Amino acid sequence: MLWNMLRRWLLVAIAVPLAAAGVRRLSDAVESRRGPSRGTALLRRAANGVQQAFGRKPKRKRRWPLSR
């Protein structure tokens, strides 16, 4: 039972965020080569949805960049 809980925790804590980052990176790579499309937008939306489902805020651009 302990191993099942540990396996589940590892899946949620490590594998899911890595998968979301990989999907976002794939979307960026395809978009840089072929331009924006419905498929790349869908990939990015899926990555944001996974991050929100597991308690992480989606990446967003800063409104006022800090310049020091």
PDB file of N, CA and C in Angstrom:
ATOM      1  N   MET A   1       0.817  -1.189   0.000  1.00  0.00           N
ATOM      2  CA  MET A   1       0.000   0.000   0.000  1.00  0.00           C
ATOM      3  C   MET A   1       0.866   1.260   0.000  1.00  0.00           C
ATOM      4  N   LEU A   2       1.939   1.216   0.747  1.00  0.00           N
ATOM      5  CA  LEU A   2       2.844   2.365   0.777  1.00  0.00           C
ATOM      6  C   LEU A   2       3.458   2.604  -0.592  1.00  0.00           C
ATOM      7  N   TRP A   3       3.810   1.510  -1.291  1.00  0.00           N
ATOM      8  CA  TRP A   3       4.409   1.652  -2.610  1.00  0.00           C
ATOM      9  C   TRP A   3       3.429   2.251  -3.610  1.00  0.00           C
ATOM     10  N   ASN A   4       2.162   1.902  -3.494  1.00  0.00           N
ATOM     11  CA  ASN A   4       1.160   2.465  -4.399  1.00  0.00           C
ATOM     12  C   ASN A   4       1.008   3.966  -4.174  1.00  0.00           C
ATOM     13  N   MET A   5       1.005   4.380  -2.910  1.00  0.00           N
ATOM     14  CA  MET A   5       0.907   5.820  -2.614  1.00  0.00           C
ATOM     15  C   MET A   5       2.140   6.553  -3.103  1.00  0.00           C
ATOM     16  N   LEU A   6       3.314   5.958  -2.904  1.00  0.00           N
ATOM     17  CA  LEU A   6       4.557   6.577  -3.357  1.00  0.00           C
ATOM     18  C   LEU A   6       4.573   6.694  -4.882  1.00  0.00           C
ATOM     19  N   ARG A   7       4.139   5.645  -5.562  1.00  0.00           N
ATOM     20  CA  ARG A   7       4.096   5.675  -7.022  1.00  0.00           C
ATOM     21  C   ARG A   7       3.141   6.756  -7.524  1.00  0.00           C
ATOM     22  N   ARG A   8       1.990   6.871  -6.879  1.00  0.00           N
ATOM     23  CA  ARG A   8       1.013   7.879  -7.266  1.00  0.00           C
ATOM     24  C   ARG A   8       1.549   9.295  -7.024  1.00  0.00           C
ATOM     25  N   TRP A   9       2.228   9.482  -5.889  1.00  0.00           N
ATOM     26  CA  TRP A   9       2.800  10.794  -5.577  1.00  0.00           C
ATOM     27  C   TRP A   9       3.879  11.164  -6.588  1.00  0.00           C
ATOM     28  N   LEU A  10       4.731  10.191  -6.937  1.00  0.00           N
ATOM     29  CA  LEU A  10       5.773  10.469  -7.923  1.00  0.00           C
ATOM     30  C   LEU A  10       5.179  10.831  -9.274  1.00  0.00           C
ATOM     31  N   LEU A  11       4.120  10.181  -9.644  1.00  0.00           N
ATOM     32  CA  LEU A  11       3.472  10.484 -10.909  1.00  0.00           C
ATOM     33  C   LEU A  11       2.962  11.916 -10.932  1.00  0.00           C
ATOM     34  N   VAL A  12       2.290  12.309  -9.870  1.00  0.00           N
ATOM     35  CA  VAL A  12       1.707  13.655  -9.816  1.00  0.00           C
ATOM     36  C   VAL A  12       2.777  14.722  -9.627  1.00  0.00           C
ATOM     37  N   ALA A  13       3.776  14.445  -8.800  1.00  0.00           N
ATOM     38  CA  ALA A  13       4.763  15.464  -8.455  1.00  0.00           C
ATOM     39  C   ALA A  13       5.837  15.644  -9.515  1.00  0.00           C
ATOM     40  N   ILE A  14       6.163  14.597 -10.254  1.00  0.00           N
ATOM     41  CA  ILE A  14       7.292  14.688 -11.174  1.00  0.00           C
ATOM     42  C   ILE A  14       6.884  14.485 -12.633  1.00  0.00           C
ATOM     43  N   ALA A  15       6.202  13.412 -12.923  1.00  0.00           N
ATOM     44  CA  ALA A  15       5.930  13.051 -14.314  1.00  0.00           C
ATOM     45  C   ALA A  15       4.952  14.010 -14.996  1.00  0.00           C
ATOM     46  N   VAL A  16       3.910  14.411 -14.302  1.00  0.00           N
ATOM     47  CA  VAL A  16       2.900  15.267 -14.934  1.00  0.00           C
ATOM     48  C   VAL A  16       3.463  16.661 -15.262  1.00  0.00           C
ATOM     49  N   PRO A  17       4.170  17.337 -14.347  1.00  0.00           N
ATOM     50  CA  PRO A  17       4.748  18.629 -14.721  1.00  0.00           C
ATOM     51  C   PRO A  17       5.794  18.510 -15.834  1.00  0.00           C
ATOM     52  N   LEU A  18       6.583  17.436 -15.827  1.00  0.00           N
ATOM     53  CA  LEU A  18       7.549  17.251 -16.906  1.00  0.00           C
ATOM     54  C   LEU A  18       6.850  17.041 -18.248  1.00  0.00           C
ATOM     55  N   ALA A  19       5.767  16.298 -18.239  1.00  0.00           N
ATOM     56  CA  ALA A  19       5.010  16.089 -19.469  1.00  0.00           C
ATOM     57  C   ALA A  19       4.414  17.399 -19.971  1.00  0.00           C
ATOM     58  N   ALA A  20       3.895  18.216 -19.058  1.00  0.00           N
ATOM     59  CA  ALA A  20       3.332  19.511 -19.460  1.00  0.00           C
ATOM     60  C   ALA A  20       4.413  20.406 -20.052  1.00  0.00           C
ATOM     61  N   ALA A  21       5.589  20.405 -19.444  1.00  0.00           N
ATOM     62  CA  ALA A  21       6.690  21.215 -19.973  1.00  0.00           C
ATOM     63  C   ALA A  21       7.126  20.699 -21.340  1.00  0.00           C
ATOM     64  N   GLY A  22       7.138  19.383 -21.507  1.00  0.00           N
ATOM     65  CA  GLY A  22       7.501  18.814 -22.799  1.00  0.00           C
ATOM     66  C   GLY A  22       6.509  19.157 -23.891  1.00  0.00           C
ATOM     67  N   VAL A  23       5.233  19.128 -23.555  1.00  0.00           N
ATOM     68  CA  VAL A  23       4.196  19.478 -24.534  1.00  0.00           C
ATOM     69  C   VAL A  23       4.308  20.948 -24.911  1.00  0.00           C
ATOM     70  N   ARG A  24       4.568  21.802 -23.936  1.00  0.00           N
ATOM     71  CA  ARG A  24       4.723  23.228 -24.235  1.00  0.00           C
ATOM     72  C   ARG A  24       5.950  23.474 -25.112  1.00  0.00           C
ATOM     73  N   ARG A  25       7.026  22.749 -24.824  1.00  0.00           N
ATOM     74  CA  ARG A  25       8.241  22.906 -25.623  1.00  0.00           C
ATOM     75  C   ARG A  25       8.026  22.407 -27.053  1.00  0.00           C
ATOM     76  N   LEU A  26       7.306  21.306 -27.195  1.00  0.00           N
ATOM     77  CA  LEU A  26       6.975  20.796 -28.521  1.00  0.00           C
ATOM     78  C   LEU A  26       6.141  21.807 -29.293  1.00  0.00           C
ATOM     79  N   SER A  27       5.177  22.420 -28.618  1.00  0.00           N
ATOM     80  CA  SER A  27       4.339  23.422 -29.250  1.00  0.00           C
ATOM     81  C   SER A  27       5.180  24.606 -29.734  1.00  0.00           C
ATOM     82  N   ASP A  28       6.114  25.054 -28.901  1.00  0.00           N
ATOM     83  CA  ASP A  28       6.984  26.171 -29.292  1.00  0.00           C
ATOM     84  C   ASP A  28       7.860  25.810 -30.482  1.00  0.00           C
ATOM     85  N   ALA A  29       8.387  24.584 -30.495  1.00  0.00           N
ATOM     86  CA  ALA A  29       9.261  24.167 -31.591  1.00  0.00           C
ATOM     87  C   ALA A  29       8.495  24.092 -32.909  1.00  0.00           C
ATOM     88  N   VAL A  30       7.315  23.508 -32.881  1.00  0.00           N
ATOM     89  CA  VAL A  30       6.512  23.398 -34.108  1.00  0.00           C
ATOM     90  C   VAL A  30       6.077  24.780 -34.576  1.00  0.00           C
ATOM     91  N   GLU A  31       5.706  25.629 -33.623  1.00  0.00           N
ATOM     92  CA  GLU A  31       5.257  26.967 -33.986  1.00  0.00           C
ATOM     93  C   GLU A  31       6.397  27.804 -34.567  1.00  0.00           C
ATOM     94  N   SER A  32       7.620  27.616 -34.086  1.00  0.00           N
ATOM     95  CA  SER A  32       8.737  28.390 -34.625  1.00  0.00           C
ATOM     96  C   SER A  32       9.071  27.965 -36.052  1.00  0.00           C
ATOM     97  N   ARG A  33       8.818  26.690 -36.378  1.00  0.00           N
ATOM     98  CA  ARG A  33       9.105  26.226 -37.736  1.00  0.00           C
ATOM     99  C   ARG A  33       7.984  26.534 -38.719  1.00  0.00           C
ATOM    100  N   ARG A  34       6.754  26.294 -38.308  1.00  0.00           N
ATOM    101  CA  ARG A  34       5.630  26.364 -39.249  1.00  0.00           C
ATOM    102  C   ARG A  34       4.680  27.519 -39.000  1.00  0.00           C
ATOM    103  N   GLY A  35       4.885  28.247 -37.912  1.00  0.00           N
ATOM    104  CA  GLY A  35       3.983  29.342 -37.599  1.00  0.00           C
ATOM    105  C   GLY A  35       2.821  28.870 -36.739  1.00  0.00           C
ATOM    106  N   PRO A  36       2.058  29.819 -36.227  1.00  0.00           N
ATOM    107  CA  PRO A  36       0.945  29.444 -35.352  1.00  0.00           C
ATOM    108  C   PRO A  36      -0.132  28.670 -36.105  1.00  0.00           C
ATOM    109  N   SER A  37      -0.709  27.693 -35.408  1.00  0.00           N
ATOM    110  CA  SER A  37      -1.774  26.906 -36.017  1.00  0.00           C
ATOM    111  C   SER A  37      -2.722  26.440 -34.921  1.00  0.00           C
ATOM    112  N   ARG A  38      -3.780  25.788 -35.325  1.00  0.00           N
ATOM    113  CA  ARG A  38      -4.753  25.268 -34.363  1.00  0.00           C
ATOM    114  C   ARG A  38      -4.132  24.173 -33.500  1.00  0.00           C
ATOM    115  N   GLY A  39      -3.266  23.371 -34.098  1.00  0.00           N
ATOM    116  CA  GLY A  39      -2.622  22.275 -33.365  1.00  0.00           C
ATOM    117  C   GLY A  39      -1.693  22.774 -32.268  1.00  0.00           C
ATOM    118  N   THR A  40      -0.893  23.812 -32.566  1.00  0.00           N
ATOM    119  CA  THR A  40       0.013  24.330 -31.546  1.00  0.00           C
ATOM    120  C   THR A  40      -0.755  25.028 -30.427  1.00  0.00           C
ATOM    121  N   ALA A  41      -1.841  25.684 -30.783  1.00  0.00           N
ATOM    122  CA  ALA A  41      -2.669  26.314 -29.753  1.00  0.00           C
ATOM    123  C   ALA A  41      -3.310  25.262 -28.858  1.00  0.00           C
ATOM    124  N   LEU A  42      -3.720  24.146 -29.459  1.00  0.00           N
ATOM    125  CA  LEU A  42      -4.312  23.057 -28.684  1.00  0.00           C
ATOM    126  C   LEU A  42      -3.286  22.426 -27.746  1.00  0.00           C
ATOM    127  N   LEU A  43      -2.060  22.249 -28.222  1.00  0.00           N
ATOM    128  CA  LEU A  43      -1.004  21.704 -27.362  1.00  0.00           C
ATOM    129  C   LEU A  43      -0.731  22.632 -26.175  1.00  0.00           C
ATOM    130  N   ARG A  44      -0.641  23.925 -26.443  1.00  0.00           N
ATOM    131  CA  ARG A  44      -0.374  24.880 -25.366  1.00  0.00           C
ATOM    132  C   ARG A  44      -1.540  24.920 -24.375  1.00  0.00           C
ATOM    133  N   ARG A  45      -2.766  24.852 -24.878  1.00  0.00           N
ATOM    134  CA  ARG A  45      -3.937  24.847 -23.999  1.00  0.00           C
ATOM    135  C   ARG A  45      -3.966  23.590 -23.134  1.00  0.00           C
ATOM    136  N   ALA A  46      -3.564  22.457 -23.698  1.00  0.00           N
ATOM    137  CA  ALA A  46      -3.504  21.214 -22.927  1.00  0.00           C
ATOM    138  C   ALA A  46      -2.457  21.301 -21.817  1.00  0.00           C
ATOM    139  N   ALA A  47      -1.304  21.881 -22.126  1.00  0.00           N
ATOM    140  CA  ALA A  47      -0.261  22.033 -21.101  1.00  0.00           C
ATOM    141  C   ALA A  47      -0.733  22.948 -19.981  1.00  0.00           C
ATOM    142  N   ASN A  48      -1.408  24.030 -20.317  1.00  0.00           N
ATOM    143  CA  ASN A  48      -1.941  24.927 -19.289  1.00  0.00           C
ATOM    144  C   ASN A  48      -3.013  24.231 -18.456  1.00  0.00           C
ATOM    145  N   GLY A  49      -3.845  23.437 -19.091  1.00  0.00           N
ATOM    146  CA  GLY A  49      -4.890  22.728 -18.361  1.00  0.00           C
ATOM    147  C   GLY A  49      -4.322  21.714 -17.379  1.00  0.00           C
ATOM    148  N   VAL A  50      -3.272  21.014 -17.797  1.00  0.00           N
ATOM    149  CA  VAL A  50      -2.637  20.056 -16.891  1.00  0.00           C
ATOM    150  C   VAL A  50      -2.014  20.775 -15.709  1.00  0.00           C
ATOM    151  N   GLN A  51      -1.358  21.903 -15.963  1.00  0.00           N
ATOM    152  CA  GLN A  51      -0.750  22.652 -14.860  1.00  0.00           C
ATOM    153  C   GLN A  51      -1.808  23.178 -13.902  1.00  0.00           C
ATOM    154  N   GLN A  52      -2.919  23.650 -14.411  1.00  0.00           N
ATOM    155  CA  GLN A  52      -3.973  24.150 -13.531  1.00  0.00           C
ATOM    156  C   GLN A  52      -4.625  23.015 -12.753  1.00  0.00           C
ATOM    157  N   ALA A  53      -4.749  21.850 -13.364  1.00  0.00           N
ATOM    158  CA  ALA A  53      -5.388  20.723 -12.690  1.00  0.00           C
ATOM    159  C   ALA A  53      -4.562  20.224 -11.516  1.00  0.00           C
ATOM    160  N   PHE A  54      -3.265  20.391 -11.577  1.00  0.00           N
ATOM    161  CA  PHE A  54      -2.404  19.905 -10.508  1.00  0.00           C
ATOM    162  C   PHE A  54      -1.862  21.029  -9.640  1.00  0.00           C
ATOM    163  N   GLY A  55      -2.546  22.157  -9.600  1.00  0.00           N
ATOM    164  CA  GLY A  55      -2.241  23.198  -8.634  1.00  0.00           C
ATOM    165  C   GLY A  55      -1.147  24.166  -9.013  1.00  0.00           C
ATOM    166  N   ARG A  56      -0.686  24.149 -10.232  1.00  0.00           N
ATOM    167  CA  ARG A  56       0.337  25.100 -10.641  1.00  0.00           C
ATOM    168  C   ARG A  56      -0.287  26.167 -11.513  1.00  0.00           C
ATOM    169  N   LYS A  57       0.184  27.384 -11.338  1.00  0.00           N
ATOM    170  CA  LYS A  57      -0.346  28.470 -12.146  1.00  0.00           C
ATOM    171  C   LYS A  57       0.286  28.420 -13.532  1.00  0.00           C
ATOM    172  N   PRO A  58      -0.460  28.732 -14.573  1.00  0.00           N
ATOM    173  CA  PRO A  58       0.117  28.714 -15.914  1.00  0.00           C
ATOM    174  C   PRO A  58       1.114  29.853 -16.085  1.00  0.00           C
ATOM    175  N   LYS A  59       2.047  29.652 -16.981  1.00  0.00           N
ATOM    176  CA  LYS A  59       3.025  30.700 -17.251  1.00  0.00           C
ATOM    177  C   LYS A  59       2.305  31.887 -17.880  1.00  0.00           C
ATOM    178  N   ARG A  60       2.663  33.077 -17.461  1.00  0.00           N
ATOM    179  CA  ARG A  60       2.073  34.262 -18.069  1.00  0.00           C
ATOM    180  C   ARG A  60       3.124  35.341 -18.188  1.00  0.00           C
ATOM    181  N   LYS A  61       2.905  36.222 -19.119  1.00  0.00           N
ATOM    182  CA  LYS A  61       3.865  37.287 -19.352  1.00  0.00           C
ATOM    183  C   LYS A  61       3.699  38.367 -18.299  1.00  0.00           C
ATOM    184  N   ARG A  62       4.786  38.996 -17.982  1.00  0.00           N
ATOM    185  CA  ARG A  62       4.724  40.100 -17.030  1.00  0.00           C
ATOM    186  C   ARG A  62       4.117  41.317 -17.706  1.00  0.00           C
ATOM    187  N   ARG A  63       3.316  42.022 -16.943  1.00  0.00           N
ATOM    188  CA  ARG A  63       2.703  43.215 -17.515  1.00  0.00           C
ATOM    189  C   ARG A  63       3.700  44.364 -17.542  1.00  0.00           C
ATOM    190  N   TRP A  64       4.463  44.495 -16.472  1.00  0.00           N
ATOM    191  CA  TRP A  64       5.463  45.557 -16.382  1.00  0.00           C
ATOM    192  C   TRP A  64       6.826  44.892 -16.150  1.00  0.00           C
ATOM    193  N   PRO A  65       7.645  44.804 -17.160  1.00  0.00           N
ATOM    194  CA  PRO A  65       8.953  44.163 -16.964  1.00  0.00           C
ATOM    195  C   PRO A  65       9.809  44.973 -16.001  1.00  0.00           C
ATOM    196  N   LEU A  66      10.492  44.261 -15.147  1.00  0.00           N
ATOM    197  CA  LEU A  66      11.359  44.913 -14.182  1.00  0.00           C
ATOM    198  C   LEU A  66      12.691  45.226 -14.842  1.00  0.00           C
ATOM    199  N   SER A  67      13.068  46.476 -14.837  1.00  0.00           N
ATOM    200  CA  SER A  67      14.361  46.861 -15.420  1.00  0.00           C
ATOM    201  C   SER A  67      15.185  47.500 -14.326  1.00  0.00           C
ATOM    202  N   ARG A  68      16.288  46.866 -14.050  1.00  0.00           N
ATOM    203  CA  ARG A  68      17.191  47.384 -13.016  1.00  0.00           C
ATOM    204  C   ARG A  68      18.574  47.506 -13.550  1.00  0.00           C
TER     205      ARG A  68
END
